[in-house]
Amino acid sequence: MLTAGLRVTAATNVSLVSVGAVIGVGGLGELFTSGYQRSYPDQVFVSILAIMVLAFIMDRLIAVA
């Protein structure tokens, strides 16, 4: 049970870091917002893919541990 909660929390935190770019913190979400502002769908897709891969890696690391 505890491991499942940690996995959900880790994936949620990775996703929320991307939202931080909206308030000016920067990070991985900056790639997404700049692509959206410039109408570069490829950049938006790559940033979403990078966020998903990072969340998956964090999930797998916790699951293995």
PDB file of N, CA and C in Angstrom:
ATOM      1  N   MET A   1       0.813  -1.196   0.000  1.00  0.00           N
ATOM      2  CA  MET A   1       0.000   0.000   0.000  1.00  0.00           C
ATOM      3  C   MET A   1       0.861   1.266   0.000  1.00  0.00           C
ATOM      4  N   LEU A   2       1.872   1.251   0.815  1.00  0.00           N
ATOM      5  CA  LEU A   2       2.735   2.427   0.893  1.00  0.00           C
ATOM      6  C   LEU A   2       3.464   2.651  -0.420  1.00  0.00           C
ATOM      7  N   THR A   3       3.911   1.584  -1.044  1.00  0.00           N
ATOM      8  CA  THR A   3       4.626   1.706  -2.314  1.00  0.00           C
ATOM      9  C   THR A   3       3.715   2.256  -3.399  1.00  0.00           C
ATOM     10  N   ALA A   4       2.467   1.833  -3.402  1.00  0.00           N
ATOM     11  CA  ALA A   4       1.523   2.350  -4.405  1.00  0.00           C
ATOM     12  C   ALA A   4       1.318   3.846  -4.228  1.00  0.00           C
ATOM     13  N   GLY A   5       1.220   4.292  -2.986  1.00  0.00           N
ATOM     14  CA  GLY A   5       1.075   5.723  -2.718  1.00  0.00           C
ATOM     15  C   GLY A   5       2.298   6.513  -3.141  1.00  0.00           C
ATOM     16  N   LEU A   6       3.472   5.960  -2.899  1.00  0.00           N
ATOM     17  CA  LEU A   6       4.706   6.625  -3.322  1.00  0.00           C
ATOM     18  C   LEU A   6       4.793   6.727  -4.839  1.00  0.00           C
ATOM     19  N   ARG A   7       4.369   5.677  -5.522  1.00  0.00           N
ATOM     20  CA  ARG A   7       4.417   5.693  -6.988  1.00  0.00           C
ATOM     21  C   ARG A   7       3.482   6.750  -7.551  1.00  0.00           C
ATOM     22  N   VAL A   8       2.280   6.839  -7.001  1.00  0.00           N
ATOM     23  CA  VAL A   8       1.320   7.849  -7.468  1.00  0.00           C
ATOM     24  C   VAL A   8       1.849   9.243  -7.167  1.00  0.00           C
ATOM     25  N   THR A   9       2.405   9.434  -5.990  1.00  0.00           N
ATOM     26  CA  THR A   9       2.936  10.745  -5.610  1.00  0.00           C
ATOM     27  C   THR A   9       4.105  11.158  -6.496  1.00  0.00           C
ATOM     28  N   ALA A  10       4.974  10.231  -6.816  1.00  0.00           N
ATOM     29  CA  ALA A  10       6.121  10.549  -7.671  1.00  0.00           C
ATOM     30  C   ALA A  10       5.670  10.959  -9.067  1.00  0.00           C
ATOM     31  N   ALA A  11       4.734  10.214  -9.638  1.00  0.00           N
ATOM     32  CA  ALA A  11       4.243  10.553 -10.980  1.00  0.00           C
ATOM     33  C   ALA A  11       3.505  11.885 -10.967  1.00  0.00           C
ATOM     34  N   THR A  12       2.758  12.149  -9.909  1.00  0.00           N
ATOM     35  CA  THR A  12       2.035  13.419  -9.801  1.00  0.00           C
ATOM     36  C   THR A  12       3.005  14.587  -9.668  1.00  0.00           C
ATOM     37  N   ASN A  13       4.055  14.422  -8.881  1.00  0.00           N
ATOM     38  CA  ASN A  13       5.039  15.491  -8.716  1.00  0.00           C
ATOM     39  C   ASN A  13       5.753  15.808 -10.018  1.00  0.00           C
ATOM     40  N   VAL A  14       6.086  14.801 -10.791  1.00  0.00           N
ATOM     41  CA  VAL A  14       6.725  15.036 -12.089  1.00  0.00           C
ATOM     42  C   VAL A  14       5.777  15.830 -12.991  1.00  0.00           C
ATOM     43  N   SER A  15       4.510  15.500 -12.971  1.00  0.00           N
ATOM     44  CA  SER A  15       3.538  16.210 -13.795  1.00  0.00           C
ATOM     45  C   SER A  15       3.353  17.648 -13.320  1.00  0.00           C
ATOM     46  N   LEU A  16       3.346  17.847 -12.024  1.00  0.00           N
ATOM     47  CA  LEU A  16       3.154  19.198 -11.491  1.00  0.00           C
ATOM     48  C   LEU A  16       4.357  20.097 -11.734  1.00  0.00           C
ATOM     49  N   VAL A  17       5.525  19.522 -11.845  1.00  0.00           N
ATOM     50  CA  VAL A  17       6.715  20.321 -12.152  1.00  0.00           C
ATOM     51  C   VAL A  17       6.552  20.998 -13.510  1.00  0.00           C
ATOM     52  N   SER A  18       5.898  20.317 -14.432  1.00  0.00           N
ATOM     53  CA  SER A  18       5.683  20.910 -15.752  1.00  0.00           C
ATOM     54  C   SER A  18       4.737  22.095 -15.683  1.00  0.00           C
ATOM     55  N   VAL A  19       3.845  22.128 -14.712  1.00  0.00           N
ATOM     56  CA  VAL A  19       2.924  23.252 -14.554  1.00  0.00           C
ATOM     57  C   VAL A  19       3.643  24.464 -13.971  1.00  0.00           C
ATOM     58  N   GLY A  20       4.768  24.235 -13.316  1.00  0.00           N
ATOM     59  CA  GLY A  20       5.532  25.316 -12.720  1.00  0.00           C
ATOM     60  C   GLY A  20       6.002  26.353 -13.720  1.00  0.00           C
ATOM     61  N   ALA A  21       6.129  25.986 -14.967  1.00  0.00           N
ATOM     62  CA  ALA A  21       6.561  26.942 -15.990  1.00  0.00           C
ATOM     63  C   ALA A  21       5.516  28.020 -16.216  1.00  0.00           C
ATOM     64  N   VAL A  22       4.274  27.716 -15.948  1.00  0.00           N
ATOM     65  CA  VAL A  22       3.207  28.703 -16.136  1.00  0.00           C
ATOM     66  C   VAL A  22       3.376  29.866 -15.169  1.00  0.00           C
ATOM     67  N   ILE A  23       3.867  29.595 -13.962  1.00  0.00           N
ATOM     68  CA  ILE A  23       4.057  30.664 -12.983  1.00  0.00           C
ATOM     69  C   ILE A  23       5.478  31.218 -12.994  1.00  0.00           C
ATOM     70  N   GLY A  24       6.282  30.764 -13.942  1.00  0.00           N
ATOM     71  CA  GLY A  24       7.606  31.341 -14.130  1.00  0.00           C
ATOM     72  C   GLY A  24       8.745  30.623 -13.436  1.00  0.00           C
ATOM     73  N   VAL A  25       8.523  29.406 -12.955  1.00  0.00           N
ATOM     74  CA  VAL A  25       9.584  28.668 -12.277  1.00  0.00           C
ATOM     75  C   VAL A  25      10.564  28.063 -13.279  1.00  0.00           C
ATOM     76  N   GLY A  26      10.075  27.703 -14.448  1.00  0.00           N
ATOM     77  CA  GLY A  26      10.941  27.105 -15.463  1.00  0.00           C
ATOM     78  C   GLY A  26      10.915  25.599 -15.382  1.00  0.00           C
ATOM     79  N   GLY A  27      11.950  24.971 -15.826  1.00  0.00           N
ATOM     80  CA  GLY A  27      12.033  23.516 -15.781  1.00  0.00           C
ATOM     81  C   GLY A  27      11.517  22.880 -17.050  1.00  0.00           C
ATOM     82  N   LEU A  28      11.069  21.660 -16.922  1.00  0.00           N
ATOM     83  CA  LEU A  28      10.624  20.887 -18.079  1.00  0.00           C
ATOM     84  C   LEU A  28       9.371  21.481 -18.719  1.00  0.00           C
ATOM     85  N   GLY A  29       8.542  22.120 -17.941  1.00  0.00           N
ATOM     86  CA  GLY A  29       7.328  22.728 -18.475  1.00  0.00           C
ATOM     87  C   GLY A  29       7.592  23.927 -19.367  1.00  0.00           C
ATOM     88  N   GLU A  30       8.774  24.500 -19.235  1.00  0.00           N
ATOM     89  CA  GLU A  30       9.123  25.651 -20.075  1.00  0.00           C
ATOM     90  C   GLU A  30       9.172  25.260 -21.545  1.00  0.00           C
ATOM     91  N   LEU A  31       9.625  24.060 -21.837  1.00  0.00           N
ATOM     92  CA  LEU A  31       9.644  23.547 -23.207  1.00  0.00           C
ATOM     93  C   LEU A  31       8.223  23.475 -23.756  1.00  0.00           C
ATOM     94  N   PHE A  32       7.294  23.015 -22.918  1.00  0.00           N
ATOM     95  CA  PHE A  32       5.898  22.903 -23.324  1.00  0.00           C
ATOM     96  C   PHE A  32       5.272  24.269 -23.577  1.00  0.00           C
ATOM     97  N   THR A  33       5.431  25.197 -22.638  1.00  0.00           N
ATOM     98  CA  THR A  33       4.792  26.502 -22.791  1.00  0.00           C
ATOM     99  C   THR A  33       5.375  27.305 -23.946  1.00  0.00           C
ATOM    100  N   SER A  34       6.680  27.220 -24.155  1.00  0.00           N
ATOM    101  CA  SER A  34       7.262  27.970 -25.276  1.00  0.00           C
ATOM    102  C   SER A  34       6.811  27.376 -26.613  1.00  0.00           C
ATOM    103  N   GLY A  35       6.693  26.061 -26.675  1.00  0.00           N
ATOM    104  CA  GLY A  35       6.187  25.433 -27.901  1.00  0.00           C
ATOM    105  C   GLY A  35       4.739  25.795 -28.164  1.00  0.00           C
ATOM    106  N   TYR A  36       3.954  25.883 -27.116  1.00  0.00           N
ATOM    107  CA  TYR A  36       2.547  26.254 -27.256  1.00  0.00           C
ATOM    108  C   TYR A  36       2.407  27.711 -27.691  1.00  0.00           C
ATOM    109  N   GLN A  37       3.206  28.599 -27.091  1.00  0.00           N
ATOM    110  CA  GLN A  37       3.139  30.018 -27.433  1.00  0.00           C
ATOM    111  C   GLN A  37       3.585  30.282 -28.864  1.00  0.00           C
ATOM    112  N   ARG A  38       4.551  29.521 -29.359  1.00  0.00           N
ATOM    113  CA  ARG A  38       5.072  29.724 -30.712  1.00  0.00           C
ATOM    114  C   ARG A  38       4.365  28.882 -31.766  1.00  0.00           C
ATOM    115  N   SER A  39       3.394  28.079 -31.326  1.00  0.00           N
ATOM    116  CA  SER A  39       2.643  27.182 -32.219  1.00  0.00           C
ATOM    117  C   SER A  39       3.549  26.154 -32.890  1.00  0.00           C
ATOM    118  N   TYR A  40       4.422  25.533 -32.073  1.00  0.00           N
ATOM    119  CA  TYR A  40       5.277  24.447 -32.542  1.00  0.00           C
ATOM    120  C   TYR A  40       4.740  23.136 -31.967  1.00  0.00           C
ATOM    121  N   PRO A  41       3.882  22.442 -32.715  1.00  0.00           N
ATOM    122  CA  PRO A  41       3.298  21.215 -32.171  1.00  0.00           C
ATOM    123  C   PRO A  41       4.334  20.125 -31.903  1.00  0.00           C
ATOM    124  N   ASP A  42       5.431  20.118 -32.654  1.00  0.00           N
ATOM    125  CA  ASP A  42       6.475  19.122 -32.418  1.00  0.00           C
ATOM    126  C   ASP A  42       7.129  19.329 -31.052  1.00  0.00           C
ATOM    127  N   GLN A  43       7.385  20.572 -30.705  1.00  0.00           N
ATOM    128  CA  GLN A  43       8.005  20.878 -29.421  1.00  0.00           C
ATOM    129  C   GLN A  43       7.061  20.536 -28.268  1.00  0.00           C
ATOM    130  N   VAL A  44       5.774  20.786 -28.455  1.00  0.00           N
ATOM    131  CA  VAL A  44       4.783  20.439 -27.435  1.00  0.00           C
ATOM    132  C   VAL A  44       4.736  18.925 -27.262  1.00  0.00           C
ATOM    133  N   PHE A  45       4.728  18.195 -28.369  1.00  0.00           N
ATOM    134  CA  PHE A  45       4.685  16.735 -28.311  1.00  0.00           C
ATOM    135  C   PHE A  45       5.919  16.169 -27.622  1.00  0.00           C
ATOM    136  N   VAL A  46       7.090  16.693 -27.954  1.00  0.00           N
ATOM    137  CA  VAL A  46       8.328  16.209 -27.347  1.00  0.00           C
ATOM    138  C   VAL A  46       8.342  16.498 -25.847  1.00  0.00           C
ATOM    139  N   SER A  47       7.861  17.662 -25.445  1.00  0.00           N
ATOM    140  CA  SER A  47       7.852  17.980 -24.017  1.00  0.00           C
ATOM    141  C   SER A  47       6.881  17.089 -23.256  1.00  0.00           C
ATOM    142  N   ILE A  48       5.709  16.812 -23.822  1.00  0.00           N
ATOM    143  CA  ILE A  48       4.760  15.906 -23.177  1.00  0.00           C
ATOM    144  C   ILE A  48       5.352  14.504 -23.091  1.00  0.00           C
ATOM    145  N   LEU A  49       6.007  14.076 -24.144  1.00  0.00           N
ATOM    146  CA  LEU A  49       6.644  12.757 -24.147  1.00  0.00           C
ATOM    147  C   LEU A  49       7.750  12.679 -23.100  1.00  0.00           C
ATOM    148  N   ALA A  50       8.539  13.739 -22.974  1.00  0.00           N
ATOM    149  CA  ALA A  50       9.618  13.757 -21.978  1.00  0.00           C
ATOM    150  C   ALA A  50       9.064  13.696 -20.560  1.00  0.00           C
ATOM    151  N   ILE A  51       7.982  14.404 -20.310  1.00  0.00           N
ATOM    152  CA  ILE A  51       7.348  14.375 -18.990  1.00  0.00           C
ATOM    153  C   ILE A  51       6.820  12.977 -18.688  1.00  0.00           C
ATOM    154  N   MET A  52       6.199  12.347 -19.674  1.00  0.00           N
ATOM    155  CA  MET A  52       5.665  11.002 -19.473  1.00  0.00           C
ATOM    156  C   MET A  52       6.780   9.983 -19.233  1.00  0.00           C
ATOM    157  N   VAL A  53       7.870  10.098 -19.982  1.00  0.00           N
ATOM    158  CA  VAL A  53       8.993   9.172 -19.806  1.00  0.00           C
ATOM    159  C   VAL A  53       9.625   9.351 -18.429  1.00  0.00           C
ATOM    160  N   LEU A  54       9.776  10.597 -17.998  1.00  0.00           N
ATOM    161  CA  LEU A  54      10.355  10.850 -16.685  1.00  0.00           C
ATOM    162  C   LEU A  54       9.456  10.298 -15.580  1.00  0.00           C
ATOM    163  N   ALA A  55       8.159  10.484 -15.704  1.00  0.00           N
ATOM    164  CA  ALA A  55       7.220   9.937 -14.715  1.00  0.00           C
ATOM    165  C   ALA A  55       7.275   8.413 -14.711  1.00  0.00           C
ATOM    166  N   PHE A  56       7.376   7.803 -15.876  1.00  0.00           N
ATOM    167  CA  PHE A  56       7.462   6.350 -15.958  1.00  0.00           C
ATOM    168  C   PHE A  56       8.750   5.826 -15.322  1.00  0.00           C
ATOM    169  N   ILE A  57       9.847   6.508 -15.562  1.00  0.00           N
ATOM    170  CA  ILE A  57      11.127   6.095 -14.972  1.00  0.00           C
ATOM    171  C   ILE A  57      11.066   6.185 -13.455  1.00  0.00           C
ATOM    172  N   MET A  58      10.498   7.274 -12.942  1.00  0.00           N
ATOM    173  CA  MET A  58      10.355   7.408 -11.490  1.00  0.00           C
ATOM    174  C   MET A  58       9.482   6.294 -10.926  1.00  0.00           C
ATOM    175  N   ASP A  59       8.405   5.973 -11.626  1.00  0.00           N
ATOM    176  CA  ASP A  59       7.507   4.907 -11.196  1.00  0.00           C
ATOM    177  C   ASP A  59       8.225   3.567 -11.154  1.00  0.00           C
ATOM    178  N   ARG A  60       8.983   3.278 -12.179  1.00  0.00           N
ATOM    179  CA  ARG A  60       9.698   1.995 -12.244  1.00  0.00           C
ATOM    180  C   ARG A  60      10.773   1.914 -11.162  1.00  0.00           C
ATOM    181  N   LEU A  61      11.465   3.025 -10.887  1.00  0.00           N
ATOM    182  CA  LEU A  61      12.497   3.020  -9.849  1.00  0.00           C
ATOM    183  C   LEU A  61      11.892   2.712  -8.482  1.00  0.00           C
ATOM    184  N   ILE A  62      10.769   3.306  -8.197  1.00  0.00           N
ATOM    185  CA  ILE A  62      10.109   3.041  -6.919  1.00  0.00           C
ATOM    186  C   ILE A  62       9.575   1.620  -6.875  1.00  0.00           C
ATOM    187  N   ALA A  63       9.023   1.136  -7.984  1.00  0.00           N
ATOM    188  CA  ALA A  63       8.493  -0.220  -8.016  1.00  0.00           C
ATOM    189  C   ALA A  63       9.593  -1.266  -7.831  1.00  0.00           C
ATOM    190  N   VAL A  64      10.772  -1.012  -8.389  1.00  0.00           N
ATOM    191  CA  VAL A  64      11.882  -1.948  -8.254  1.00  0.00           C
ATOM    192  C   VAL A  64      12.431  -1.913  -6.823  1.00  0.00           C
ATOM    193  N   ALA A  65      12.492  -0.719  -6.260  1.00  0.00           N
ATOM    194  CA  ALA A  65      13.007  -0.580  -4.886  1.00  0.00           C
ATOM    195  C   ALA A  65      12.037  -1.214  -3.927  1.00  0.00           C
TER     196      ALA A  65
END
